[in-house]
Amino acid sequence: MPSLVKKWQSIQRELDEEDNSSSSEEDRESTAQKRIEEWKQQQLVR
């Protein structure tokens, strides 16, 4: 579980950094969704 929290925090940090240079809020949202879905798939593989 702690690794889940760390992963989520690192994703949030990356998104915050991207938000500073992102062109639109929609892009940020879709990127967040894609990252979360990709991460879920990786968890299922393990």
Protein backbone atom coordinates (compact mmCIF):
# COMPACT_ATOMS: atom_id res chain seq x y z
CA MET A 1 0.00 0.00 0.00
CA PRO A 2 2.74 2.56 0.79
CA SER A 3 4.11 2.07 -2.72
CA LEU A 4 0.65 2.94 -4.08
CA VAL A 5 0.73 6.21 -2.15
CA LYS A 6 4.24 7.02 -3.34
CA LYS A 7 3.29 6.27 -6.94
CA TRP A 8 0.19 8.46 -6.71
CA GLN A 9 2.21 11.32 -5.19
CA SER A 10 4.81 11.09 -7.95
CA ILE A 11 2.06 11.14 -10.59
CA GLN A 12 0.50 14.19 -8.94
CA ARG A 13 3.90 15.93 -8.87
CA GLU A 14 4.46 15.22 -12.56
CA LEU A 15 1.00 16.48 -13.41
CA ASP A 16 1.59 19.66 -11.42
CA GLU A 17 4.80 20.26 -13.37
CA GLU A 18 3.04 19.56 -16.65
CA ASP A 19 0.20 21.86 -15.68
CA ASN A 20 2.64 24.77 -15.61
CA SER A 21 3.43 24.20 -19.28
CA SER A 22 0.18 22.55 -20.37
CA SER A 23 -1.94 24.29 -23.00
CA SER A 24 -5.30 23.29 -21.57
CA GLU A 25 -6.98 21.72 -18.56
CA GLU A 26 -8.50 19.02 -20.76
CA ASP A 27 -5.07 17.84 -21.89
CA ARG A 28 -4.00 17.54 -18.27
CA GLU A 29 -7.10 15.55 -17.35
CA SER A 30 -6.75 13.09 -20.22
CA THR A 31 -3.05 12.65 -19.44
CA ALA A 32 -3.89 11.91 -15.82
CA GLN A 33 -6.49 9.34 -16.85
CA LYS A 34 -4.07 7.63 -19.25
CA ARG A 35 -1.33 7.46 -16.61
CA ILE A 36 -3.69 6.01 -14.02
CA GLU A 37 -5.03 3.42 -16.46
CA GLU A 38 -1.52 2.43 -17.56
CA TRP A 39 -0.45 2.10 -13.94
CA LYS A 40 -3.48 -0.07 -13.11
CA GLN A 41 -2.60 -2.37 -16.01
CA GLN A 42 0.97 -2.67 -14.73
CA GLN A 43 -0.33 -3.61 -11.28
CA LEU A 44 -2.48 -6.38 -12.78
CA VAL A 45 0.51 -7.84 -14.61
CA ARG A 46 2.56 -8.22 -11.43
